[in-house]
Amino acid sequence: IDSYITKIGTVCYTVQLGNRVRVMCLNDDKN
């Protein structure tokens, strides 16, 4: 539902699970 491209080209993003739960998926590599 939203995303961010890091300086090494990997991605952070957020996904919605059901109505009330979200997971924020972060890429911290050499960031």
PDB file of all heavy atoms in Angstrom:
ATOM      1  N   ILE A   1       0.839  -1.199   0.000  1.00  0.00           N
ATOM      2  CA  ILE A   1       0.000   0.000   0.000  1.00  0.00           C
ATOM      3  C   ILE A   1       0.876   1.251   0.000  1.00  0.00           C
ATOM      4  O   ILE A   1       0.387   2.353  -0.259  1.00  0.00           O
ATOM      5  CB  ILE A   1      -0.971   0.018   1.193  1.00  0.00           C
ATOM      6  CG1 ILE A   1      -0.227  -0.028   2.529  1.00  0.00           C
ATOM      7  CG2 ILE A   1      -1.961  -1.148   1.099  1.00  0.00           C
ATOM      8  CD1 ILE A   1      -1.125   0.163   3.746  1.00  0.00           C
ATOM      9  N   ASP A   2       2.163   1.074   0.289  1.00  0.00           N
ATOM     10  CA  ASP A   2       3.124   2.162   0.190  1.00  0.00           C
ATOM     11  C   ASP A   2       4.522   1.536   0.162  1.00  0.00           C
ATOM     12  O   ASP A   2       4.728   0.432   0.690  1.00  0.00           O
ATOM     13  CB  ASP A   2       3.004   3.120   1.380  1.00  0.00           C
ATOM     14  CG  ASP A   2       3.493   4.524   1.032  1.00  0.00           C
ATOM     15  OD1 ASP A   2       4.248   4.668   0.045  1.00  0.00           O
ATOM     16  OD2 ASP A   2       3.131   5.470   1.759  1.00  0.00           O
ATOM     17  N   SER A   3       5.487   2.229  -0.442  1.00  0.00           N
ATOM     18  CA  SER A   3       6.835   1.667  -0.535  1.00  0.00           C
ATOM     19  C   SER A   3       7.880   2.766  -0.617  1.00  0.00           C
ATOM     20  O   SER A   3       7.563   3.941  -0.882  1.00  0.00           O
ATOM     21  CB  SER A   3       6.947   0.732  -1.748  1.00  0.00           C
ATOM     22  OG  SER A   3       6.732   1.448  -2.952  1.00  0.00           O
ATOM     23  N   TYR A   4       9.125   2.362  -0.399  1.00  0.00           N
ATOM     24  CA  TYR A   4      10.255   3.292  -0.427  1.00  0.00           C
ATOM     25  C   TYR A   4      11.463   2.547  -0.986  1.00  0.00           C
ATOM     26  O   TYR A   4      11.776   1.436  -0.528  1.00  0.00           O
ATOM     27  CB  TYR A   4      10.550   3.791   0.993  1.00  0.00           C
ATOM     28  CG  TYR A   4      11.789   4.650   1.104  1.00  0.00           C
ATOM     29  CD1 TYR A   4      11.723   6.028   0.945  1.00  0.00           C
ATOM     30  CD2 TYR A   4      13.036   4.066   1.364  1.00  0.00           C
ATOM     31  CE1 TYR A   4      12.860   6.820   1.044  1.00  0.00           C
ATOM     32  CE2 TYR A   4      14.176   4.858   1.468  1.00  0.00           C
ATOM     33  CZ  TYR A   4      14.089   6.217   1.302  1.00  0.00           C
ATOM     34  OH  TYR A   4      15.216   7.003   1.401  1.00  0.00           O
ATOM     35  N   ILE A   5      12.144   3.118  -1.957  1.00  0.00           N
ATOM     36  CA  ILE A   5      13.337   2.504  -2.543  1.00  0.00           C
ATOM     37  C   ILE A   5      14.574   3.072  -1.840  1.00  0.00           C
ATOM     38  O   ILE A   5      14.765   4.283  -1.774  1.00  0.00           O
ATOM     39  CB  ILE A   5      13.430   2.759  -4.057  1.00  0.00           C
ATOM     40  CG1 ILE A   5      12.225   2.142  -4.763  1.00  0.00           C
ATOM     41  CG2 ILE A   5      14.720   2.169  -4.626  1.00  0.00           C
ATOM     42  CD1 ILE A   5      12.109   0.633  -4.629  1.00  0.00           C
ATOM     43  N   THR A   6      15.412   2.181  -1.311  1.00  0.00           N
ATOM     44  CA  THR A   6      16.606   2.605  -0.578  1.00  0.00           C
ATOM     45  C   THR A   6      17.709   3.033  -1.545  1.00  0.00           C
ATOM     46  O   THR A   6      17.615   2.844  -2.755  1.00  0.00           O
ATOM     47  CB  THR A   6      17.138   1.460   0.301  1.00  0.00           C
ATOM     48  OG1 THR A   6      17.759   0.473  -0.538  1.00  0.00           O
ATOM     49  CG2 THR A   6      16.024   0.821   1.100  1.00  0.00           C
ATOM     50  N   LYS A   7      18.794   3.538  -0.977  1.00  0.00           N
ATOM     51  CA  LYS A   7      19.879   4.057  -1.816  1.00  0.00           C
ATOM     52  C   LYS A   7      20.640   2.958  -2.553  1.00  0.00           C
ATOM     53  O   LYS A   7      21.362   3.251  -3.506  1.00  0.00           O
ATOM     54  CB  LYS A   7      20.840   4.905  -0.990  1.00  0.00           C
ATOM     55  CG  LYS A   7      21.643   4.140   0.053  1.00  0.00           C
ATOM     56  CD  LYS A   7      22.567   5.103   0.790  1.00  0.00           C
ATOM     57  CE  LYS A   7      23.473   4.376   1.754  1.00  0.00           C
ATOM     58  NZ  LYS A   7      24.374   5.299   2.473  1.00  0.00           N
ATOM     59  N   ILE A   8      20.483   1.674  -2.132  1.00  0.00           N
ATOM     60  CA  ILE A   8      21.120   0.594  -2.884  1.00  0.00           C
ATOM     61  C   ILE A   8      20.115  -0.126  -3.786  1.00  0.00           C
ATOM     62  O   ILE A   8      20.417  -1.165  -4.363  1.00  0.00           O
ATOM     63  CB  ILE A   8      21.831  -0.417  -1.958  1.00  0.00           C
ATOM     64  CG1 ILE A   8      20.832  -1.141  -1.055  1.00  0.00           C
ATOM     65  CG2 ILE A   8      22.927   0.249  -1.149  1.00  0.00           C
ATOM     66  CD1 ILE A   8      21.422  -2.345  -0.341  1.00  0.00           C
ATOM     67  N   GLY A   9      18.910   0.447  -3.880  1.00  0.00           N
ATOM     68  CA  GLY A   9      17.923  -0.070  -4.817  1.00  0.00           C
ATOM     69  C   GLY A   9      17.008  -1.138  -4.276  1.00  0.00           C
ATOM     70  O   GLY A   9      16.184  -1.685  -5.017  1.00  0.00           O
ATOM     71  N   THR A  10      17.118  -1.480  -2.987  1.00  0.00           N
ATOM     72  CA  THR A  10      16.194  -2.435  -2.390  1.00  0.00           C
ATOM     73  C   THR A  10      14.932  -1.702  -1.948  1.00  0.00           C
ATOM     74  O   THR A  10      14.845  -0.482  -2.035  1.00  0.00           O
ATOM     75  CB  THR A  10      16.857  -3.159  -1.205  1.00  0.00           C
ATOM     76  OG1 THR A  10      17.372  -2.182  -0.291  1.00  0.00           O
ATOM     77  CG2 THR A  10      17.995  -4.047  -1.686  1.00  0.00           C
ATOM     78  N   VAL A  11      13.954  -2.446  -1.447  1.00  0.00           N
ATOM     79  CA  VAL A  11      12.655  -1.832  -1.195  1.00  0.00           C
ATOM     80  C   VAL A  11      12.190  -2.051   0.242  1.00  0.00           C
ATOM     81  O   VAL A  11      12.388  -3.121   0.830  1.00  0.00           O
ATOM     82  CB  VAL A  11      11.593  -2.379  -2.178  1.00  0.00           C
ATOM     83  CG1 VAL A  11      11.369  -3.864  -1.993  1.00  0.00           C
ATOM     84  CG2 VAL A  11      10.272  -1.613  -2.056  1.00  0.00           C
ATOM     85  N   CYS A  12      11.610  -1.003   0.824  1.00  0.00           N
ATOM     86  CA  CYS A  12      10.826  -1.099   2.051  1.00  0.00           C
ATOM     87  C   CYS A  12       9.369  -0.928   1.646  1.00  0.00           C
ATOM     88  O   CYS A  12       9.070  -0.129   0.754  1.00  0.00           O
ATOM     89  CB  CYS A  12      11.201   0.002   3.035  1.00  0.00           C
ATOM     90  SG  CYS A  12      12.930   0.045   3.539  1.00  0.00           S
ATOM     91  N   TYR A  13       8.472  -1.639   2.285  1.00  0.00           N
ATOM     92  CA  TYR A  13       7.066  -1.516   1.893  1.00  0.00           C
ATOM     93  C   TYR A  13       6.152  -1.900   3.054  1.00  0.00           C
ATOM     94  O   TYR A  13       6.577  -2.536   4.030  1.00  0.00           O
ATOM     95  CB  TYR A  13       6.765  -2.388   0.671  1.00  0.00           C
ATOM     96  CG  TYR A  13       6.939  -3.877   0.882  1.00  0.00           C
ATOM     97  CD1 TYR A  13       5.859  -4.677   1.270  1.00  0.00           C
ATOM     98  CD2 TYR A  13       8.171  -4.495   0.685  1.00  0.00           C
ATOM     99  CE1 TYR A  13       6.008  -6.046   1.450  1.00  0.00           C
ATOM    100  CE2 TYR A  13       8.332  -5.857   0.856  1.00  0.00           C
ATOM    101  CZ  TYR A  13       7.246  -6.629   1.251  1.00  0.00           C
ATOM    102  OH  TYR A  13       7.401  -7.979   1.438  1.00  0.00           O
ATOM    103  N   THR A  14       4.913  -1.485   2.948  1.00  0.00           N
ATOM    104  CA  THR A  14       3.891  -1.808   3.943  1.00  0.00           C
ATOM    105  C   THR A  14       2.746  -2.552   3.269  1.00  0.00           C
ATOM    106  O   THR A  14       2.321  -2.171   2.168  1.00  0.00           O
ATOM    107  CB  THR A  14       3.338  -0.530   4.602  1.00  0.00           C
ATOM    108  OG1 THR A  14       4.414   0.203   5.183  1.00  0.00           O
ATOM    109  CG2 THR A  14       2.324  -0.857   5.681  1.00  0.00           C
ATOM    110  N   VAL A  15       2.275  -3.620   3.927  1.00  0.00           N
ATOM    111  CA  VAL A  15       1.137  -4.367   3.399  1.00  0.00           C
ATOM    112  C   VAL A  15       0.020  -4.408   4.440  1.00  0.00           C
ATOM    113  O   VAL A  15       0.278  -4.383   5.649  1.00  0.00           O
ATOM    114  CB  VAL A  15       1.520  -5.816   2.997  1.00  0.00           C
ATOM    115  CG1 VAL A  15       2.406  -5.815   1.771  1.00  0.00           C
ATOM    116  CG2 VAL A  15       2.180  -6.558   4.141  1.00  0.00           C
ATOM    117  N   GLN A  16      -1.190  -4.443   3.945  1.00  0.00           N
ATOM    118  CA  GLN A  16      -2.376  -4.521   4.796  1.00  0.00           C
ATOM    119  C   GLN A  16      -2.823  -5.974   4.862  1.00  0.00           C
ATOM    120  O   GLN A  16      -3.006  -6.639   3.842  1.00  0.00           O
ATOM    121  CB  GLN A  16      -3.502  -3.663   4.205  1.00  0.00           C
ATOM    122  CG  GLN A  16      -4.760  -3.603   5.045  1.00  0.00           C
ATOM    123  CD  GLN A  16      -4.680  -2.543   6.136  1.00  0.00           C
ATOM    124  OE1 GLN A  16      -4.038  -1.515   5.970  1.00  0.00           O
ATOM    125  NE2 GLN A  16      -5.350  -2.802   7.252  1.00  0.00           N
ATOM    126  N   LEU A  17      -3.014  -6.475   6.088  1.00  0.00           N
ATOM    127  CA  LEU A  17      -3.536  -7.831   6.285  1.00  0.00           C
ATOM    128  C   LEU A  17      -4.883  -7.706   6.985  1.00  0.00           C
ATOM    129  O   LEU A  17      -4.937  -7.330   8.161  1.00  0.00           O
ATOM    130  CB  LEU A  17      -2.579  -8.671   7.138  1.00  0.00           C
ATOM    131  CG  LEU A  17      -1.141  -8.834   6.633  1.00  0.00           C
ATOM    132  CD1 LEU A  17      -0.338  -9.708   7.600  1.00  0.00           C
ATOM    133  CD2 LEU A  17      -1.120  -9.448   5.244  1.00  0.00           C
ATOM    134  N   GLY A  18      -5.954  -8.023   6.300  1.00  0.00           N
ATOM    135  CA  GLY A  18      -7.272  -7.837   6.900  1.00  0.00           C
ATOM    136  C   GLY A  18      -7.555  -6.365   7.092  1.00  0.00           C
ATOM    137  O   GLY A  18      -6.959  -5.496   6.458  1.00  0.00           O
ATOM    138  N   ASN A  19      -8.481  -6.071   7.990  1.00  0.00           N
ATOM    139  CA  ASN A  19      -8.902  -4.684   8.175  1.00  0.00           C
ATOM    140  C   ASN A  19      -8.065  -3.913   9.183  1.00  0.00           C
ATOM    141  O   ASN A  19      -7.954  -2.694   9.099  1.00  0.00           O
ATOM    142  CB  ASN A  19     -10.372  -4.644   8.634  1.00  0.00           C
ATOM    143  CG  ASN A  19     -11.308  -5.176   7.571  1.00  0.00           C
ATOM    144  OD1 ASN A  19     -11.080  -4.955   6.384  1.00  0.00           O
ATOM    145  ND2 ASN A  19     -12.347  -5.879   7.999  1.00  0.00           N
ATOM    146  N   ARG A  20      -7.453  -4.617  10.150  1.00  0.00           N
ATOM    147  CA  ARG A  20      -6.867  -3.916  11.281  1.00  0.00           C
ATOM    148  C   ARG A  20      -5.395  -4.225  11.519  1.00  0.00           C
ATOM    149  O   ARG A  20      -4.840  -3.824  12.540  1.00  0.00           O
ATOM    150  CB  ARG A  20      -7.659  -4.259  12.562  1.00  0.00           C
ATOM    151  CG  ARG A  20      -9.158  -3.929  12.489  1.00  0.00           C
ATOM    152  CD  ARG A  20      -9.417  -2.451  12.402  1.00  0.00           C
ATOM    153  NE  ARG A  20      -8.980  -1.761  13.595  1.00  0.00           N
ATOM    154  CZ  ARG A  20      -9.717  -1.655  14.702  1.00  0.00           C
ATOM    155  NH1 ARG A  20     -10.925  -2.186  14.743  1.00  0.00           N
ATOM    156  NH2 ARG A  20      -9.253  -1.010  15.740  1.00  0.00           N
ATOM    157  N   VAL A  21      -4.739  -4.934  10.604  1.00  0.00           N
ATOM    158  CA  VAL A  21      -3.346  -5.323  10.814  1.00  0.00           C
ATOM    159  C   VAL A  21      -2.506  -4.938   9.602  1.00  0.00           C
ATOM    160  O   VAL A  21      -2.893  -5.200   8.457  1.00  0.00           O
ATOM    161  CB  VAL A  21      -3.210  -6.848  11.066  1.00  0.00           C
ATOM    162  CG1 VAL A  21      -1.747  -7.230  11.288  1.00  0.00           C
ATOM    163  CG2 VAL A  21      -4.061  -7.271  12.257  1.00  0.00           C
ATOM    164  N   ARG A  22      -1.370  -4.297   9.866  1.00  0.00           N
ATOM    165  CA  ARG A  22      -0.412  -3.983   8.816  1.00  0.00           C
ATOM    166  C   ARG A  22       0.966  -4.504   9.211  1.00  0.00           C
ATOM    167  O   ARG A  22       1.294  -4.567  10.399  1.00  0.00           O
ATOM    168  CB  ARG A  22      -0.330  -2.468   8.578  1.00  0.00           C
ATOM    169  CG  ARG A  22      -1.523  -1.906   7.868  1.00  0.00           C
ATOM    170  CD  ARG A  22      -1.411  -0.407   7.667  1.00  0.00           C
ATOM    171  NE  ARG A  22      -2.691   0.127   7.211  1.00  0.00           N
ATOM    172  CZ  ARG A  22      -3.006   1.415   7.177  1.00  0.00           C
ATOM    173  NH1 ARG A  22      -2.105   2.314   7.567  1.00  0.00           N
ATOM    174  NH2 ARG A  22      -4.189   1.808   6.752  1.00  0.00           N
ATOM    175  N   VAL A  23       1.757  -4.822   8.197  1.00  0.00           N
ATOM    176  CA  VAL A  23       3.149  -5.206   8.427  1.00  0.00           C
ATOM    177  C   VAL A  23       4.042  -4.270   7.618  1.00  0.00           C
ATOM    178  O   VAL A  23       3.842  -4.105   6.408  1.00  0.00           O
ATOM    179  CB  VAL A  23       3.411  -6.675   8.050  1.00  0.00           C
ATOM    180  CG1 VAL A  23       4.881  -7.033   8.301  1.00  0.00           C
ATOM    181  CG2 VAL A  23       2.500  -7.608   8.847  1.00  0.00           C
ATOM    182  N   MET A  24       4.995  -3.649   8.309  1.00  0.00           N
ATOM    183  CA  MET A  24       5.946  -2.750   7.665  1.00  0.00           C
ATOM    184  C   MET A  24       7.250  -3.524   7.441  1.00  0.00           C
ATOM    185  O   MET A  24       7.903  -3.946   8.399  1.00  0.00           O
ATOM    186  CB  MET A  24       6.194  -1.520   8.548  1.00  0.00           C
ATOM    187  CG  MET A  24       7.167  -0.516   7.962  1.00  0.00           C
ATOM    188  SD  MET A  24       7.262   1.016   8.954  1.00  0.00           S
ATOM    189  CE  MET A  24       7.840   0.380  10.545  1.00  0.00           C
ATOM    190  N   CYS A  25       7.589  -3.718   6.172  1.00  0.00           N
ATOM    191  CA  CYS A  25       8.710  -4.579   5.788  1.00  0.00           C
ATOM    192  C   CYS A  25       9.904  -3.705   5.405  1.00  0.00           C
ATOM    193  O   CYS A  25       9.861  -3.014   4.381  1.00  0.00           O
ATOM    194  CB  CYS A  25       8.304  -5.463   4.612  1.00  0.00           C
ATOM    195  SG  CYS A  25       6.763  -6.387   4.902  1.00  0.00           S
ATOM    196  N   LEU A  26      10.941  -3.724   6.226  1.00  0.00           N
ATOM    197  CA  LEU A  26      12.051  -2.788   6.082  1.00  0.00           C
ATOM    198  C   LEU A  26      13.309  -3.483   5.576  1.00  0.00           C
ATOM    199  O   LEU A  26      13.634  -4.586   6.019  1.00  0.00           O
ATOM    200  CB  LEU A  26      12.351  -2.116   7.422  1.00  0.00           C
ATOM    201  CG  LEU A  26      11.181  -1.366   8.058  1.00  0.00           C
ATOM    202  CD1 LEU A  26      11.584  -0.814   9.419  1.00  0.00           C
ATOM    203  CD2 LEU A  26      10.694  -0.236   7.146  1.00  0.00           C
ATOM    204  N   ASN A  27      14.013  -2.815   4.687  1.00  0.00           N
ATOM    205  CA  ASN A  27      15.303  -3.305   4.220  1.00  0.00           C
ATOM    206  C   ASN A  27      16.378  -2.363   4.756  1.00  0.00           C
ATOM    207  O   ASN A  27      16.448  -1.198   4.362  1.00  0.00           O
ATOM    208  CB  ASN A  27      15.348  -3.365   2.693  1.00  0.00           C
ATOM    209  CG  ASN A  27      16.480  -4.235   2.205  1.00  0.00           C
ATOM    210  OD1 ASN A  27      17.626  -4.013   2.578  1.00  0.00           O
ATOM    211  ND2 ASN A  27      16.160  -5.224   1.397  1.00  0.00           N
ATOM    212  N   ASP A  28      17.206  -2.882   5.656  1.00  0.00           N
ATOM    213  CA  ASP A  28      18.189  -2.036   6.338  1.00  0.00           C
ATOM    214  C   ASP A  28      19.617  -2.212   5.816  1.00  0.00           C
ATOM    215  O   ASP A  28      20.567  -1.702   6.408  1.00  0.00           O
ATOM    216  CB  ASP A  28      18.165  -2.304   7.852  1.00  0.00           C
ATOM    217  CG  ASP A  28      18.406  -3.768   8.192  1.00  0.00           C
ATOM    218  OD1 ASP A  28      19.100  -4.461   7.431  1.00  0.00           O
ATOM    219  OD2 ASP A  28      17.903  -4.220   9.239  1.00  0.00           O
ATOM    220  N   ASP A  29      19.792  -2.925   4.708  1.00  0.00           N
ATOM    221  CA  ASP A  29      21.134  -3.221   4.181  1.00  0.00           C
ATOM    222  C   ASP A  29      21.917  -1.964   3.840  1.00  0.00           C
ATOM    223  O   ASP A  29      21.498  -1.185   2.976  1.00  0.00           O
ATOM    224  CB  ASP A  29      21.033  -4.059   2.901  1.00  0.00           C
ATOM    225  CG  ASP A  29      20.646  -5.487   3.185  1.00  0.00           C
ATOM    226  OD1 ASP A  29      20.589  -5.856   4.359  1.00  0.00           O
ATOM    227  OD2 ASP A  29      20.413  -6.222   2.214  1.00  0.00           O
ATOM    228  N   LYS A  30      23.052  -1.777   4.499  1.00  0.00           N
ATOM    229  CA  LYS A  30      23.994  -0.696   4.161  1.00  0.00           C
ATOM    230  C   LYS A  30      23.254   0.614   3.860  1.00  0.00           C
ATOM    231  O   LYS A  30      23.600   1.357   2.937  1.00  0.00           O
ATOM    232  CB  LYS A  30      24.866  -1.106   2.970  1.00  0.00           C
ATOM    233  CG  LYS A  30      25.765  -2.304   3.298  1.00  0.00           C
ATOM    234  CD  LYS A  30      26.723  -2.609   2.178  1.00  0.00           C
ATOM    235  CE  LYS A  30      27.619  -3.791   2.506  1.00  0.00           C
ATOM    236  NZ  LYS A  30      28.539  -3.547   3.609  1.00  0.00           N
ATOM    237  N   ASN A  31      22.233   0.853   4.643  1.00  0.00           N
ATOM    238  CA  ASN A  31      21.335   1.984   4.388  1.00  0.00           C
ATOM    239  C   ASN A  31      21.720   3.210   5.211  1.00  0.00           C
ATOM    240  O   ASN A  31      21.041   4.208   5.187  1.00  0.00           O
ATOM    241  CB  ASN A  31      19.892   1.553   4.707  1.00  0.00           C
ATOM    242  CG  ASN A  31      18.869   2.378   3.972  1.00  0.00           C
ATOM    243  OD1 ASN A  31      19.206   3.285   3.231  1.00  0.00           O
ATOM    244  ND2 ASN A  31      17.597   2.085   4.197  1.00  0.00           N
TER     245      ASN A  31
END
